[in-house]
Amino acid sequence: MTNNQQTMDDIAEKIAGGIRMLGGLKQGAEEQVRNIVEGALSQFDVVTHERMQVQEAMLKKSRDELAALDARVHELEAQIKLLSK
């Protein structure tokens, strides 16, 4: 093996080691950011998207039922008017 080849192998090994280290740093940084965000969000009254969809569906059902009851009341009021004439 020539001196140039040995030097190139050493450089390649150092680069590969640096890349492995960066991969580990990236994973550690992602975990730290995730923990920071989760900690910050836990201080607020935040709901998940799924839970919000459930609440919206329940609200829609309640509004539909209220509209049906309102229509029924108007219908009964009209019948009472007709009977009281």
N, C-alpha and C. Protein backbone atom coordinates (compact mmCIF):
# COMPACT_ATOMS: atom_id res chain seq x y z
N MET A 1 0.86 -1.17 0.00
CA MET A 1 0.00 0.00 0.00
C MET A 1 0.90 1.23 0.00
N THR A 2 0.56 2.16 -0.84
CA THR A 2 1.38 3.36 -0.96
C THR A 2 1.01 4.34 0.13
N ASN A 3 1.87 5.30 0.31
CA ASN A 3 1.65 6.33 1.31
C ASN A 3 0.40 7.15 0.99
N ASN A 4 0.22 7.43 -0.30
CA ASN A 4 -0.98 8.17 -0.73
C ASN A 4 -2.26 7.37 -0.44
N GLN A 5 -2.19 6.06 -0.69
CA GLN A 5 -3.35 5.21 -0.44
C GLN A 5 -3.67 5.18 1.05
N GLN A 6 -2.65 5.08 1.88
CA GLN A 6 -2.84 5.07 3.34
C GLN A 6 -3.46 6.39 3.80
N THR A 7 -3.00 7.49 3.25
CA THR A 7 -3.54 8.81 3.59
C THR A 7 -5.00 8.91 3.17
N MET A 8 -5.31 8.43 1.97
CA MET A 8 -6.70 8.45 1.50
C MET A 8 -7.59 7.58 2.37
N ASP A 9 -7.09 6.41 2.79
CA ASP A 9 -7.87 5.53 3.67
C ASP A 9 -8.11 6.19 5.02
N ASP A 10 -7.10 6.86 5.55
CA ASP A 10 -7.25 7.57 6.83
C ASP A 10 -8.30 8.68 6.72
N ILE A 11 -8.23 9.43 5.63
CA ILE A 11 -9.21 10.52 5.42
C ILE A 11 -10.61 9.94 5.29
N ALA A 12 -10.76 8.87 4.52
CA ALA A 12 -12.07 8.25 4.33
C ALA A 12 -12.61 7.73 5.65
N GLU A 13 -11.75 7.15 6.48
CA GLU A 13 -12.17 6.62 7.78
C GLU A 13 -12.62 7.76 8.68
N LYS A 14 -11.89 8.88 8.67
CA LYS A 14 -12.26 10.03 9.50
C LYS A 14 -13.59 10.64 9.03
N ILE A 15 -13.78 10.71 7.73
CA ILE A 15 -15.04 11.23 7.19
C ILE A 15 -16.20 10.32 7.59
N ALA A 16 -16.00 9.02 7.44
CA ALA A 16 -17.05 8.06 7.81
C ALA A 16 -17.38 8.17 9.29
N GLY A 17 -16.35 8.31 10.13
CA GLY A 17 -16.58 8.48 11.56
C GLY A 17 -17.34 9.76 11.85
N GLY A 18 -17.02 10.84 11.15
CA GLY A 18 -17.73 12.11 11.33
C GLY A 18 -19.19 12.00 10.93
N ILE A 19 -19.44 11.29 9.85
CA ILE A 19 -20.82 11.11 9.40
C ILE A 19 -21.62 10.31 10.42
N ARG A 20 -21.01 9.24 10.96
CA ARG A 20 -21.70 8.46 12.00
C ARG A 20 -21.99 9.33 13.22
N MET A 21 -21.02 10.17 13.60
CA MET A 21 -21.21 11.05 14.75
C MET A 21 -22.34 12.04 14.48
N LEU A 22 -22.39 12.60 13.27
CA LEU A 22 -23.45 13.55 12.92
C LEU A 22 -24.82 12.88 12.97
N GLY A 23 -24.88 11.62 12.52
CA GLY A 23 -26.15 10.89 12.59
C GLY A 23 -26.63 10.76 14.02
N GLY A 24 -25.70 10.45 14.92
CA GLY A 24 -26.05 10.35 16.33
C GLY A 24 -26.46 11.68 16.91
N LEU A 25 -25.76 12.76 16.51
CA LEU A 25 -26.12 14.09 16.98
C LEU A 25 -27.50 14.49 16.50
N LYS A 26 -27.80 14.15 15.25
CA LYS A 26 -29.12 14.48 14.68
C LYS A 26 -30.22 13.81 15.47
N GLN A 27 -30.03 12.53 15.76
CA GLN A 27 -31.04 11.80 16.52
C GLN A 27 -31.20 12.39 17.91
N GLY A 28 -30.07 12.72 18.55
CA GLY A 28 -30.14 13.32 19.88
C GLY A 28 -30.81 14.68 19.86
N ALA A 29 -30.51 15.47 18.82
CA ALA A 29 -31.12 16.79 18.70
C ALA A 29 -32.63 16.67 18.48
N GLU A 30 -33.05 15.71 17.64
CA GLU A 30 -34.48 15.51 17.40
C GLU A 30 -35.20 15.14 18.70
N GLU A 31 -34.58 14.28 19.49
CA GLU A 31 -35.18 13.89 20.77
C GLU A 31 -35.28 15.07 21.71
N GLN A 32 -34.23 15.91 21.75
CA GLN A 32 -34.26 17.07 22.62
C GLN A 32 -35.35 18.05 22.18
N VAL A 33 -35.45 18.31 20.89
CA VAL A 33 -36.48 19.22 20.38
C VAL A 33 -37.86 18.67 20.69
N ARG A 34 -38.06 17.38 20.47
CA ARG A 34 -39.35 16.75 20.76
C ARG A 34 -39.70 16.92 22.25
N ASN A 35 -38.74 16.67 23.13
CA ASN A 35 -38.98 16.82 24.57
C ASN A 35 -39.30 18.25 24.94
N ILE A 36 -38.59 19.21 24.33
CA ILE A 36 -38.86 20.62 24.62
C ILE A 36 -40.26 21.01 24.17
N VAL A 37 -40.64 20.59 22.96
CA VAL A 37 -41.97 20.93 22.43
C VAL A 37 -43.06 20.27 23.27
N GLU A 38 -42.88 19.00 23.60
CA GLU A 38 -43.88 18.31 24.42
C GLU A 38 -44.01 18.96 25.79
N GLY A 39 -42.88 19.37 26.37
CA GLY A 39 -42.92 20.06 27.66
C GLY A 39 -43.65 21.38 27.57
N ALA A 40 -43.39 22.14 26.50
CA ALA A 40 -44.07 23.43 26.31
C ALA A 40 -45.56 23.24 26.09
N LEU A 41 -45.93 22.25 25.28
CA LEU A 41 -47.35 22.02 24.99
C LEU A 41 -48.09 21.50 26.22
N SER A 42 -47.41 20.80 27.09
CA SER A 42 -48.08 20.27 28.28
C SER A 42 -48.52 21.39 29.21
N GLN A 43 -47.93 22.58 29.07
CA GLN A 43 -48.31 23.71 29.91
C GLN A 43 -49.58 24.40 29.39
N PHE A 44 -49.98 24.06 28.18
CA PHE A 44 -51.17 24.66 27.59
C PHE A 44 -52.30 23.65 27.56
N ASP A 45 -53.50 24.15 27.37
CA ASP A 45 -54.68 23.30 27.27
C ASP A 45 -54.87 22.95 25.80
N VAL A 46 -54.14 21.93 25.33
CA VAL A 46 -54.11 21.57 23.92
C VAL A 46 -54.79 20.21 23.74
N VAL A 47 -55.55 20.07 22.66
CA VAL A 47 -56.18 18.79 22.36
C VAL A 47 -55.62 18.24 21.05
N THR A 48 -55.74 16.95 20.89
CA THR A 48 -55.27 16.32 19.66
C THR A 48 -56.26 16.59 18.53
N HIS A 49 -55.80 16.41 17.31
CA HIS A 49 -56.66 16.61 16.14
C HIS A 49 -57.83 15.62 16.19
N GLU A 50 -57.54 14.39 16.57
CA GLU A 50 -58.59 13.36 16.65
C GLU A 50 -59.67 13.76 17.65
N ARG A 51 -59.24 14.24 18.82
CA ARG A 51 -60.21 14.62 19.85
C ARG A 51 -61.02 15.83 19.39
N MET A 52 -60.38 16.74 18.66
CA MET A 52 -61.10 17.90 18.14
C MET A 52 -62.15 17.47 17.13
N GLN A 53 -61.83 16.49 16.29
CA GLN A 53 -62.81 15.99 15.32
C GLN A 53 -64.01 15.37 16.03
N VAL A 54 -63.77 14.65 17.12
CA VAL A 54 -64.87 14.05 17.90
C VAL A 54 -65.76 15.16 18.46
N GLN A 55 -65.14 16.20 19.01
CA GLN A 55 -65.90 17.31 19.57
C GLN A 55 -66.72 18.02 18.49
N GLU A 56 -66.13 18.21 17.31
CA GLU A 56 -66.85 18.85 16.21
C GLU A 56 -68.05 18.01 15.77
N ALA A 57 -67.88 16.69 15.73
CA ALA A 57 -68.98 15.80 15.35
C ALA A 57 -70.10 15.88 16.38
N MET A 58 -69.74 15.90 17.66
CA MET A 58 -70.75 16.00 18.72
C MET A 58 -71.49 17.33 18.63
N LEU A 59 -70.76 18.41 18.34
CA LEU A 59 -71.38 19.73 18.22
C LEU A 59 -72.33 19.76 17.03
N LYS A 60 -71.93 19.18 15.90
CA LYS A 60 -72.80 19.14 14.72
C LYS A 60 -74.08 18.37 15.03
N LYS A 61 -73.95 17.24 15.71
CA LYS A 61 -75.13 16.45 16.07
C LYS A 61 -76.05 17.25 16.98
N SER A 62 -75.48 17.96 17.94
CA SER A 62 -76.29 18.78 18.85
C SER A 62 -77.00 19.90 18.10
N ARG A 63 -76.28 20.53 17.17
CA ARG A 63 -76.91 21.61 16.38
C ARG A 63 -78.04 21.07 15.52
N ASP A 64 -77.84 19.90 14.92
CA ASP A 64 -78.89 19.29 14.10
C ASP A 64 -80.12 18.97 14.95
N GLU A 65 -79.89 18.42 16.14
CA GLU A 65 -81.01 18.09 17.03
C GLU A 65 -81.73 19.37 17.47
N LEU A 66 -80.97 20.41 17.77
CA LEU A 66 -81.57 21.68 18.17
C LEU A 66 -82.40 22.27 17.03
N ALA A 67 -81.90 22.20 15.82
CA ALA A 67 -82.65 22.71 14.67
C ALA A 67 -83.94 21.93 14.48
N ALA A 68 -83.89 20.60 14.67
CA ALA A 68 -85.09 19.78 14.54
C ALA A 68 -86.10 20.13 15.63
N LEU A 69 -85.62 20.32 16.84
CA LEU A 69 -86.53 20.71 17.94
C LEU A 69 -87.13 22.09 17.70
N ASP A 70 -86.33 23.01 17.19
CA ASP A 70 -86.82 24.35 16.89
C ASP A 70 -87.93 24.30 15.83
N ALA A 71 -87.70 23.48 14.81
CA ALA A 71 -88.73 23.33 13.77
C ALA A 71 -90.00 22.72 14.37
N ARG A 72 -89.84 21.75 15.25
CA ARG A 72 -91.00 21.10 15.89
C ARG A 72 -91.77 22.10 16.76
N VAL A 73 -91.06 22.96 17.48
CA VAL A 73 -91.72 23.97 18.32
C VAL A 73 -92.51 24.93 17.44
N HIS A 74 -91.91 25.38 16.34
CA HIS A 74 -92.63 26.29 15.44
C HIS A 74 -93.87 25.61 14.86
N GLU A 75 -93.75 24.34 14.55
CA GLU A 75 -94.90 23.59 14.03
C GLU A 75 -96.01 23.50 15.07
N LEU A 76 -95.65 23.21 16.30
CA LEU A 76 -96.65 23.11 17.37
C LEU A 76 -97.28 24.47 17.68
N GLU A 77 -96.48 25.53 17.63
CA GLU A 77 -97.02 26.87 17.85
C GLU A 77 -98.04 27.21 16.77
N ALA A 78 -97.74 26.81 15.53
CA ALA A 78 -98.67 27.08 14.43
C ALA A 78 -99.97 26.31 14.64
N GLN A 79 -99.87 25.07 15.11
CA GLN A 79 -101.08 24.28 15.36
C GLN A 79 -101.89 24.88 16.50
N ILE A 80 -101.23 25.39 17.52
CA ILE A 80 -101.92 26.01 18.65
C ILE A 80 -102.68 27.25 18.16
N LYS A 81 -102.03 28.04 17.30
CA LYS A 81 -102.70 29.23 16.76
C LYS A 81 -103.97 28.85 16.00
N LEU A 82 -103.88 27.78 15.20
CA LEU A 82 -105.04 27.35 14.42
C LEU A 82 -106.15 26.87 15.34
N LEU A 83 -105.80 26.17 16.41
CA LEU A 83 -106.82 25.65 17.33
C LEU A 83 -107.45 26.75 18.18
N SER A 84 -106.70 27.82 18.44
CA SER A 84 -107.23 28.87 19.31
C SER A 84 -108.11 29.87 18.55
N LYS A 85 -108.26 29.72 17.24
CA LYS A 85 -109.12 30.63 16.47
C LYS A 85 -110.56 30.29 16.61
